[in-house]
Amino acid sequence: MEIHLTGKKSIYEEIMETVERYISLGVLKDGDRLPSVRNLALKLGVNPNTVARAYYALEAEGVIRSIPKKGVFACGAEKRDPVKAEARSRLIVFREAGLSKEDALALVEEVYGG
């Protein structure tokens, strides 16, 4: 997997877009292993936290999955649910904006009439 940083966007966004593009084009298939955070950071000459941030966001979107002590793996495009990916993405934004888990769950109960 080759990632070329252009400098047009933030590094983590470029990593995310490249991984998403490789999966959508079929270069990375379901179950293919991605480089570790450390290895990719060394290869790109960036801080490992930048790669970890990109991987975390990709995992939240259902693009990749991380299995502790096993590695990071691609999720095939056909296995992703766009509605769940959008919900995950928005929940991350809300969490980072300070919405507590309890408040989020209360809103879900309100919307679904639970």
Protein backbone atom coordinates (compact mmCIF):
# COMPACT_ATOMS: atom_id res chain seq x y z
CA MET A 1 0.00 0.00 0.00
CA GLU A 2 1.45 3.34 -1.08
CA ILE A 3 0.37 6.61 0.47
CA HIS A 4 1.67 9.79 -1.10
CA LEU A 5 1.24 12.90 1.01
CA THR A 6 0.42 15.90 -1.15
CA GLY A 7 0.08 18.54 1.54
CA LYS A 8 -3.28 19.66 0.18
CA LYS A 9 -5.12 18.29 3.22
CA SER A 10 -4.16 17.27 6.71
CA ILE A 11 -2.03 14.14 6.87
CA TYR A 12 -4.61 12.05 8.67
CA GLU A 13 -7.26 12.99 6.06
CA GLU A 14 -4.92 11.94 3.27
CA ILE A 15 -4.30 8.60 4.99
CA MET A 16 -8.04 8.08 5.42
CA GLU A 17 -8.85 8.96 1.82
CA THR A 18 -6.13 6.71 0.46
CA VAL A 19 -7.28 3.69 2.49
CA GLU A 20 -10.92 4.33 1.53
CA ARG A 21 -9.96 4.66 -2.13
CA TYR A 22 -7.94 1.41 -2.09
CA ILE A 23 -10.89 -0.44 -0.56
CA SER A 24 -13.46 1.03 -2.97
CA LEU A 25 -11.23 0.14 -5.95
CA GLY A 26 -10.72 -3.39 -4.65
CA VAL A 27 -6.97 -2.99 -4.13
CA LEU A 28 -7.60 -3.78 -0.47
CA LYS A 29 -10.14 -6.52 -0.01
CA ASP A 30 -12.06 -7.65 3.05
CA GLY A 31 -9.60 -9.11 5.54
CA ASP A 32 -6.44 -7.66 3.96
CA ARG A 33 -3.99 -6.51 6.60
CA LEU A 34 -2.92 -2.87 6.73
CA PRO A 35 0.43 -1.69 8.03
CA SER A 36 0.65 -1.19 11.77
CA VAL A 37 0.38 2.34 13.11
CA ARG A 38 4.08 2.37 13.92
CA ASN A 39 5.21 0.98 10.55
CA LEU A 40 3.05 3.35 8.53
CA ALA A 41 4.18 6.33 10.64
CA LEU A 42 7.83 5.40 10.07
CA LYS A 43 7.27 4.93 6.35
CA LEU A 44 5.53 8.30 6.00
CA GLY A 45 7.80 10.11 8.45
CA VAL A 46 4.90 11.28 10.58
CA ASN A 47 3.92 11.06 14.23
CA PRO A 48 2.30 7.69 15.11
CA ASN A 49 -0.58 9.63 16.72
CA THR A 50 -1.49 10.97 13.27
CA VAL A 51 -1.77 7.47 11.83
CA ALA A 52 -3.63 6.27 14.94
CA ARG A 53 -6.12 9.13 14.52
CA ALA A 54 -6.76 8.18 10.89
CA TYR A 55 -7.14 4.49 11.76
CA TYR A 56 -9.48 5.33 14.64
CA ALA A 57 -11.71 7.42 12.37
CA LEU A 58 -11.67 4.73 9.67
CA GLU A 59 -12.65 2.11 12.22
CA ALA A 60 -15.49 4.31 13.46
CA GLU A 61 -16.74 4.52 9.86
CA GLY A 62 -16.54 0.74 9.46
CA VAL A 63 -13.84 0.97 6.79
CA ILE A 64 -11.29 -1.00 8.80
CA ARG A 65 -11.31 -3.10 11.94
CA SER A 66 -8.63 -3.39 14.55
CA ILE A 67 -8.10 -6.67 16.33
CA PRO A 68 -5.90 -6.29 19.41
CA LYS A 69 -2.56 -8.08 19.07
CA LYS A 70 -3.52 -9.23 15.56
CA GLY A 71 -3.48 -6.06 13.48
CA VAL A 72 -5.60 -3.74 11.41
CA PHE A 73 -7.69 -5.18 8.59
CA ALA A 74 -9.74 -3.79 5.71
CA CYS A 75 -13.50 -4.26 5.66
CA GLY A 76 -14.76 -4.90 2.16
CA ALA A 77 -16.85 -2.15 0.63
CA GLU A 78 -19.75 -4.56 0.23
CA LYS A 79 -19.80 -5.25 3.99
CA ARG A 80 -20.15 -1.64 5.09
CA ASP A 81 -23.52 -0.21 5.90
CA PRO A 82 -23.58 3.46 4.87
CA VAL A 83 -26.33 4.34 7.36
CA LYS A 84 -24.39 2.87 10.29
CA ALA A 85 -21.19 4.51 9.08
CA GLU A 86 -22.93 7.89 9.01
CA ALA A 87 -24.40 7.35 12.48
CA ARG A 88 -20.98 6.36 13.85
CA SER A 89 -19.38 9.37 12.26
CA ARG A 90 -21.92 11.76 13.75
CA LEU A 91 -21.69 10.13 17.17
CA ILE A 92 -17.94 10.69 17.17
CA VAL A 93 -18.47 14.37 16.40
CA PHE A 94 -21.04 14.64 19.20
CA ARG A 95 -18.77 12.84 21.67
CA GLU A 96 -15.86 15.13 20.79
CA ALA A 97 -18.17 18.13 21.22
CA GLY A 98 -18.85 17.01 24.79
CA LEU A 99 -22.11 15.06 24.56
CA SER A 100 -22.04 12.39 27.27
CA LYS A 101 -22.93 8.76 26.60
CA GLU A 102 -25.91 9.09 28.93
CA ASP A 103 -27.23 12.13 27.05
CA ALA A 104 -26.73 10.37 23.71
CA LEU A 105 -28.59 7.29 24.93
CA ALA A 106 -31.40 9.48 26.27
CA LEU A 107 -31.71 11.08 22.84
CA VAL A 108 -31.83 7.66 21.17
CA GLU A 109 -34.60 6.62 23.56
CA GLU A 110 -36.47 9.83 22.79
CA VAL A 111 -36.20 9.38 19.01
CA TYR A 112 -37.06 5.67 19.02
CA GLY A 113 -39.73 6.01 21.69
CA GLY A 114 -38.04 3.45 23.93
